[in-house]
Amino acid sequence: TIFANINQKEKSAILKNVLQRLSGNCREVLMYWAGGYSMEEIAIILNYKSAGMARKKKCLCMKELVDWLEEHPHLKNELRK
């Protein structure tokens, strides 16, 4: 429905805003991961030594994202709707 499309656009805008607040490498890692790239591909693109390093970076970045959202519960709630 039109309301679902509007709500999805709002969520996308909020998420984009949140990602802009993360460190540059975190933003890149999470965007590639969300885009379906494998850890091996992310490691190559971002010049990490291995897929394991890319995986570790993704975990650290997810923690950074979750921590930021915990500090901003109003945005976290908007994304959950």
C-alpha atoms as a PDB file:
ATOM      1  CA  THR A   1       0.000   0.000   0.000  1.00  0.00           C
ATOM      2  CA  ILE A   2       0.995   3.622  -0.270  1.00  0.00           C
ATOM      3  CA  PHE A   3       1.361   3.865   3.534  1.00  0.00           C
ATOM      4  CA  ALA A   4       3.730   0.903   3.589  1.00  0.00           C
ATOM      5  CA  ASN A   5       5.867   2.541   0.894  1.00  0.00           C
ATOM      6  CA  ILE A   6       6.006   5.823   2.809  1.00  0.00           C
ATOM      7  CA  ASN A   7       6.908   4.015   6.031  1.00  0.00           C
ATOM      8  CA  GLN A   8       9.662   2.057   4.262  1.00  0.00           C
ATOM      9  CA  LYS A   9      11.094   5.265   2.771  1.00  0.00           C
ATOM     10  CA  GLU A  10      11.121   6.858   6.233  1.00  0.00           C
ATOM     11  CA  LYS A  11      12.941   3.843   7.676  1.00  0.00           C
ATOM     12  CA  SER A  12      15.470   3.920   4.842  1.00  0.00           C
ATOM     13  CA  ALA A  13      16.123   7.613   5.463  1.00  0.00           C
ATOM     14  CA  ILE A  14      16.584   7.032   9.205  1.00  0.00           C
ATOM     15  CA  LEU A  15      18.932   4.107   8.618  1.00  0.00           C
ATOM     16  CA  LYS A  16      20.966   6.086   6.096  1.00  0.00           C
ATOM     17  CA  ASN A  17      21.263   8.910   8.631  1.00  0.00           C
ATOM     18  CA  VAL A  18      22.379   6.490  11.358  1.00  0.00           C
ATOM     19  CA  LEU A  19      24.975   4.865   9.084  1.00  0.00           C
ATOM     20  CA  GLN A  20      26.407   8.294   8.267  1.00  0.00           C
ATOM     21  CA  ARG A  21      27.238   8.678  11.953  1.00  0.00           C
ATOM     22  CA  LEU A  22      29.379   5.532  12.048  1.00  0.00           C
ATOM     23  CA  SER A  23      33.067   5.568  11.263  1.00  0.00           C
ATOM     24  CA  GLY A  24      33.898   5.391   7.556  1.00  0.00           C
ATOM     25  CA  ASN A  25      35.088   1.794   7.549  1.00  0.00           C
ATOM     26  CA  CYS A  26      32.052   0.634   9.495  1.00  0.00           C
ATOM     27  CA  ARG A  27      29.714   2.324   7.084  1.00  0.00           C
ATOM     28  CA  GLU A  28      31.432   0.604   4.151  1.00  0.00           C
ATOM     29  CA  VAL A  29      31.568  -2.841   5.747  1.00  0.00           C
ATOM     30  CA  LEU A  30      27.897  -2.769   6.733  1.00  0.00           C
ATOM     31  CA  MET A  31      26.763  -1.442   3.362  1.00  0.00           C
ATOM     32  CA  TYR A  32      28.632  -4.173   1.475  1.00  0.00           C
ATOM     33  CA  TRP A  33      27.371  -6.814   3.907  1.00  0.00           C
ATOM     34  CA  ALA A  34      23.774  -5.565   3.599  1.00  0.00           C
ATOM     35  CA  GLY A  35      24.241  -5.582  -0.166  1.00  0.00           C
ATOM     36  CA  GLY A  36      24.893  -9.313  -0.094  1.00  0.00           C
ATOM     37  CA  TYR A  37      28.655  -9.329  -0.541  1.00  0.00           C
ATOM     38  CA  SER A  38      30.486 -12.255   1.031  1.00  0.00           C
ATOM     39  CA  MET A  39      33.117 -11.715   3.705  1.00  0.00           C
ATOM     40  CA  GLU A  40      35.722 -12.799   1.149  1.00  0.00           C
ATOM     41  CA  GLU A  41      34.535 -10.130  -1.292  1.00  0.00           C
ATOM     42  CA  ILE A  42      34.444  -7.472   1.415  1.00  0.00           C
ATOM     43  CA  ALA A  43      37.988  -8.374   2.458  1.00  0.00           C
ATOM     44  CA  ILE A  44      39.215  -7.942  -1.115  1.00  0.00           C
ATOM     45  CA  ILE A  45      37.328  -4.688  -1.731  1.00  0.00           C
ATOM     46  CA  LEU A  46      38.440  -3.089   1.544  1.00  0.00           C
ATOM     47  CA  ASN A  47      41.966  -4.564   1.515  1.00  0.00           C
ATOM     48  CA  TYR A  48      41.620  -6.680   4.652  1.00  0.00           C
ATOM     49  CA  LYS A  49      44.059  -9.561   5.026  1.00  0.00           C
ATOM     50  CA  SER A  50      41.347 -12.203   5.201  1.00  0.00           C
ATOM     51  CA  ALA A  51      37.641 -12.923   5.316  1.00  0.00           C
ATOM     52  CA  GLY A  52      38.096 -13.470   9.051  1.00  0.00           C
ATOM     53  CA  MET A  53      39.315  -9.897   9.453  1.00  0.00           C
ATOM     54  CA  ALA A  54      36.291  -8.645   7.502  1.00  0.00           C
ATOM     55  CA  ARG A  55      33.998 -10.744   9.704  1.00  0.00           C
ATOM     56  CA  LYS A  56      35.601  -9.347  12.874  1.00  0.00           C
ATOM     57  CA  LYS A  57      35.247  -5.793  11.550  1.00  0.00           C
ATOM     58  CA  LYS A  58      31.571  -6.427  10.718  1.00  0.00           C
ATOM     59  CA  CYS A  59      30.951  -7.643  14.276  1.00  0.00           C
ATOM     60  CA  LEU A  60      32.657  -4.567  15.740  1.00  0.00           C
ATOM     61  CA  CYS A  61      30.657  -2.326  13.409  1.00  0.00           C
ATOM     62  CA  MET A  62      27.380  -3.993  14.320  1.00  0.00           C
ATOM     63  CA  LYS A  63      28.228  -3.359  17.974  1.00  0.00           C
ATOM     64  CA  GLU A  64      28.938   0.293  17.157  1.00  0.00           C
ATOM     65  CA  LEU A  65      25.579   0.509  15.362  1.00  0.00           C
ATOM     66  CA  VAL A  66      23.653  -1.157  18.198  1.00  0.00           C
ATOM     67  CA  ASP A  67      25.381   1.023  20.812  1.00  0.00           C
ATOM     68  CA  TRP A  68      24.512   4.169  18.856  1.00  0.00           C
ATOM     69  CA  LEU A  69      20.885   3.092  18.558  1.00  0.00           C
ATOM     70  CA  GLU A  70      20.755   2.350  22.299  1.00  0.00           C
ATOM     71  CA  GLU A  71      21.834   5.945  22.910  1.00  0.00           C
ATOM     72  CA  HIS A  72      19.057   7.164  20.582  1.00  0.00           C
ATOM     73  CA  PRO A  73      15.992   5.089  21.522  1.00  0.00           C
ATOM     74  CA  HIS A  74      13.566   7.275  19.563  1.00  0.00           C
ATOM     75  CA  LEU A  75      15.312   6.315  16.305  1.00  0.00           C
ATOM     76  CA  LYS A  76      15.549   2.683  17.370  1.00  0.00           C
ATOM     77  CA  ASN A  77      11.785   2.681  17.949  1.00  0.00           C
ATOM     78  CA  GLU A  78      11.132   4.274  14.549  1.00  0.00           C
ATOM     79  CA  LEU A  79      13.140   1.528  12.841  1.00  0.00           C
ATOM     80  CA  ARG A  80      11.178  -1.180  14.675  1.00  0.00           C
ATOM     81  CA  LYS A  81       7.779   0.060  13.482  1.00  0.00           C
END
